[in-house]
Amino acid sequence: MKKEPLRMCVGCRERFPQKELLRLVASPEGVAIDRTGRMPGRGAYLCYRETCVSGAYKKKSLQRALRQALNESIWIEIDQAVKAANEREE
């Protein structure tokens, strides 16, 4: 039986199975949402709670994890992805 990898959310610092988190990748081209989980570059994870997204924004924990500054457009994409995932769950 294969163990499922756990990853830590940079917003709330809780551990979740990797498939339950939103992965973001920092590469030379910039920061992007990794929907496949296979993009090359430095990755960081956020859970799909809006409080975690806002906490990561305020504390700048996502920027520290990715070691790269984030522009407003990526935050808008993250917010839309979290809202879409939460709507699917309901």
C-alpha atoms as a PDB file:
ATOM      1  CA  MET A   1       0.000   0.000   0.000  1.00  0.00           C
ATOM      2  CA  LYS A   2       1.403   3.348  -1.066  1.00  0.00           C
ATOM      3  CA  LYS A   3       1.516   6.216   1.423  1.00  0.00           C
ATOM      4  CA  GLU A   4       0.047   9.515   0.263  1.00  0.00           C
ATOM      5  CA  PRO A   5       2.481  12.442   0.611  1.00  0.00           C
ATOM      6  CA  LEU A   6       1.585  15.222   3.057  1.00  0.00           C
ATOM      7  CA  ARG A   7       2.357  18.863   2.398  1.00  0.00           C
ATOM      8  CA  MET A   8       2.060  21.953   4.584  1.00  0.00           C
ATOM      9  CA  CYS A   9      -0.179  24.888   3.760  1.00  0.00           C
ATOM     10  CA  VAL A  10       1.821  28.125   3.946  1.00  0.00           C
ATOM     11  CA  GLY A  11      -1.283  29.971   5.189  1.00  0.00           C
ATOM     12  CA  CYS A  12      -2.372  27.893   8.195  1.00  0.00           C
ATOM     13  CA  ARG A  13       0.726  25.639   8.587  1.00  0.00           C
ATOM     14  CA  GLU A  14      -1.473  22.486   8.729  1.00  0.00           C
ATOM     15  CA  ARG A  15      -0.536  19.293   6.907  1.00  0.00           C
ATOM     16  CA  PHE A  16      -2.836  17.884   4.242  1.00  0.00           C
ATOM     17  CA  PRO A  17      -2.606  15.196   1.560  1.00  0.00           C
ATOM     18  CA  GLN A  18      -0.888  16.704  -1.461  1.00  0.00           C
ATOM     19  CA  LYS A  19      -3.942  16.328  -3.731  1.00  0.00           C
ATOM     20  CA  GLU A  20      -6.092  18.486  -1.418  1.00  0.00           C
ATOM     21  CA  LEU A  21      -3.862  21.551  -1.803  1.00  0.00           C
ATOM     22  CA  LEU A  22      -3.323  24.225  -4.440  1.00  0.00           C
ATOM     23  CA  ARG A  23       0.276  24.146  -5.675  1.00  0.00           C
ATOM     24  CA  LEU A  24       2.048  27.305  -6.784  1.00  0.00           C
ATOM     25  CA  VAL A  25       5.356  27.261  -8.618  1.00  0.00           C
ATOM     26  CA  ALA A  26       8.033  29.928  -8.909  1.00  0.00           C
ATOM     27  CA  SER A  27      10.125  29.707 -12.056  1.00  0.00           C
ATOM     28  CA  PRO A  28      12.242  32.193 -14.012  1.00  0.00           C
ATOM     29  CA  GLU A  29       9.078  33.118 -15.984  1.00  0.00           C
ATOM     30  CA  GLY A  30       7.240  34.035 -12.768  1.00  0.00           C
ATOM     31  CA  VAL A  31       4.756  32.456 -10.369  1.00  0.00           C
ATOM     32  CA  ALA A  32       1.988  30.220 -11.700  1.00  0.00           C
ATOM     33  CA  ILE A  33      -0.702  27.876 -10.390  1.00  0.00           C
ATOM     34  CA  ASP A  34       0.367  24.280 -11.023  1.00  0.00           C
ATOM     35  CA  ARG A  35      -2.797  22.320 -11.753  1.00  0.00           C
ATOM     36  CA  THR A  36      -0.892  19.200 -12.868  1.00  0.00           C
ATOM     37  CA  GLY A  37       1.466  19.015  -9.884  1.00  0.00           C
ATOM     38  CA  ARG A  38       4.412  18.424 -12.214  1.00  0.00           C
ATOM     39  CA  MET A  39       5.677  21.864 -13.220  1.00  0.00           C
ATOM     40  CA  PRO A  40       9.381  22.444 -12.623  1.00  0.00           C
ATOM     41  CA  GLY A  41      10.446  25.104 -10.149  1.00  0.00           C
ATOM     42  CA  ARG A  42      10.127  25.914  -6.481  1.00  0.00           C
ATOM     43  CA  GLY A  43       6.706  24.927  -5.169  1.00  0.00           C
ATOM     44  CA  ALA A  44       4.521  26.001  -2.270  1.00  0.00           C
ATOM     45  CA  TYR A  45       1.072  24.839  -1.213  1.00  0.00           C
ATOM     46  CA  LEU A  46      -2.112  26.578  -0.046  1.00  0.00           C
ATOM     47  CA  CYS A  47      -5.270  24.890   1.176  1.00  0.00           C
ATOM     48  CA  TYR A  48      -8.599  25.894  -0.318  1.00  0.00           C
ATOM     49  CA  ARG A  49      -9.741  28.015   2.640  1.00  0.00           C
ATOM     50  CA  GLU A  50     -10.209  31.708   1.998  1.00  0.00           C
ATOM     51  CA  THR A  51      -8.829  32.494   5.473  1.00  0.00           C
ATOM     52  CA  CYS A  52      -5.551  30.787   4.531  1.00  0.00           C
ATOM     53  CA  VAL A  53      -5.260  32.761   1.310  1.00  0.00           C
ATOM     54  CA  SER A  54      -5.861  36.066   3.088  1.00  0.00           C
ATOM     55  CA  GLY A  55      -3.490  35.055   5.905  1.00  0.00           C
ATOM     56  CA  ALA A  56      -0.747  34.143   3.420  1.00  0.00           C
ATOM     57  CA  TYR A  57      -1.295  37.498   1.692  1.00  0.00           C
ATOM     58  CA  LYS A  58      -1.080  39.515   4.914  1.00  0.00           C
ATOM     59  CA  LYS A  59       1.881  37.616   6.405  1.00  0.00           C
ATOM     60  CA  LYS A  60       3.679  37.344   3.038  1.00  0.00           C
ATOM     61  CA  SER A  61       4.325  33.679   3.800  1.00  0.00           C
ATOM     62  CA  LEU A  62       3.785  32.634   0.179  1.00  0.00           C
ATOM     63  CA  GLN A  63       6.417  35.102  -1.043  1.00  0.00           C
ATOM     64  CA  ARG A  64       8.879  33.742   1.525  1.00  0.00           C
ATOM     65  CA  ALA A  65       8.141  30.125   0.607  1.00  0.00           C
ATOM     66  CA  LEU A  66       8.605  30.796  -3.108  1.00  0.00           C
ATOM     67  CA  ARG A  67      11.508  33.213  -2.534  1.00  0.00           C
ATOM     68  CA  GLN A  68       9.982  35.559  -5.076  1.00  0.00           C
ATOM     69  CA  ALA A  69       7.801  38.667  -5.052  1.00  0.00           C
ATOM     70  CA  LEU A  70       4.203  38.144  -6.175  1.00  0.00           C
ATOM     71  CA  ASN A  71       2.188  40.619  -8.208  1.00  0.00           C
ATOM     72  CA  GLU A  72      -1.526  41.296  -7.768  1.00  0.00           C
ATOM     73  CA  SER A  73      -2.559  39.257 -10.810  1.00  0.00           C
ATOM     74  CA  ILE A  74      -1.395  35.952  -9.266  1.00  0.00           C
ATOM     75  CA  TRP A  75      -3.337  36.748  -6.076  1.00  0.00           C
ATOM     76  CA  ILE A  76      -6.464  37.276  -8.182  1.00  0.00           C
ATOM     77  CA  GLU A  77      -5.870  33.905  -9.902  1.00  0.00           C
ATOM     78  CA  ILE A  78      -5.374  32.190  -6.522  1.00  0.00           C
ATOM     79  CA  ASP A  79      -8.555  33.763  -5.156  1.00  0.00           C
ATOM     80  CA  GLN A  80     -10.546  32.644  -8.211  1.00  0.00           C
ATOM     81  CA  ALA A  81      -9.161  29.077  -7.980  1.00  0.00           C
ATOM     82  CA  VAL A  82     -10.073  28.841  -4.280  1.00  0.00           C
ATOM     83  CA  LYS A  83     -13.579  30.190  -4.851  1.00  0.00           C
ATOM     84  CA  ALA A  84     -14.134  27.794  -7.778  1.00  0.00           C
ATOM     85  CA  ALA A  85     -12.975  24.825  -5.694  1.00  0.00           C
ATOM     86  CA  ASN A  86     -15.239  25.813  -2.812  1.00  0.00           C
ATOM     87  CA  GLU A  87     -18.232  26.174  -5.149  1.00  0.00           C
ATOM     88  CA  ARG A  88     -17.597  22.660  -6.525  1.00  0.00           C
ATOM     89  CA  GLU A  89     -17.624  21.212  -3.005  1.00  0.00           C
ATOM     90  CA  GLU A  90     -21.011  22.702  -2.107  1.00  0.00           C
END
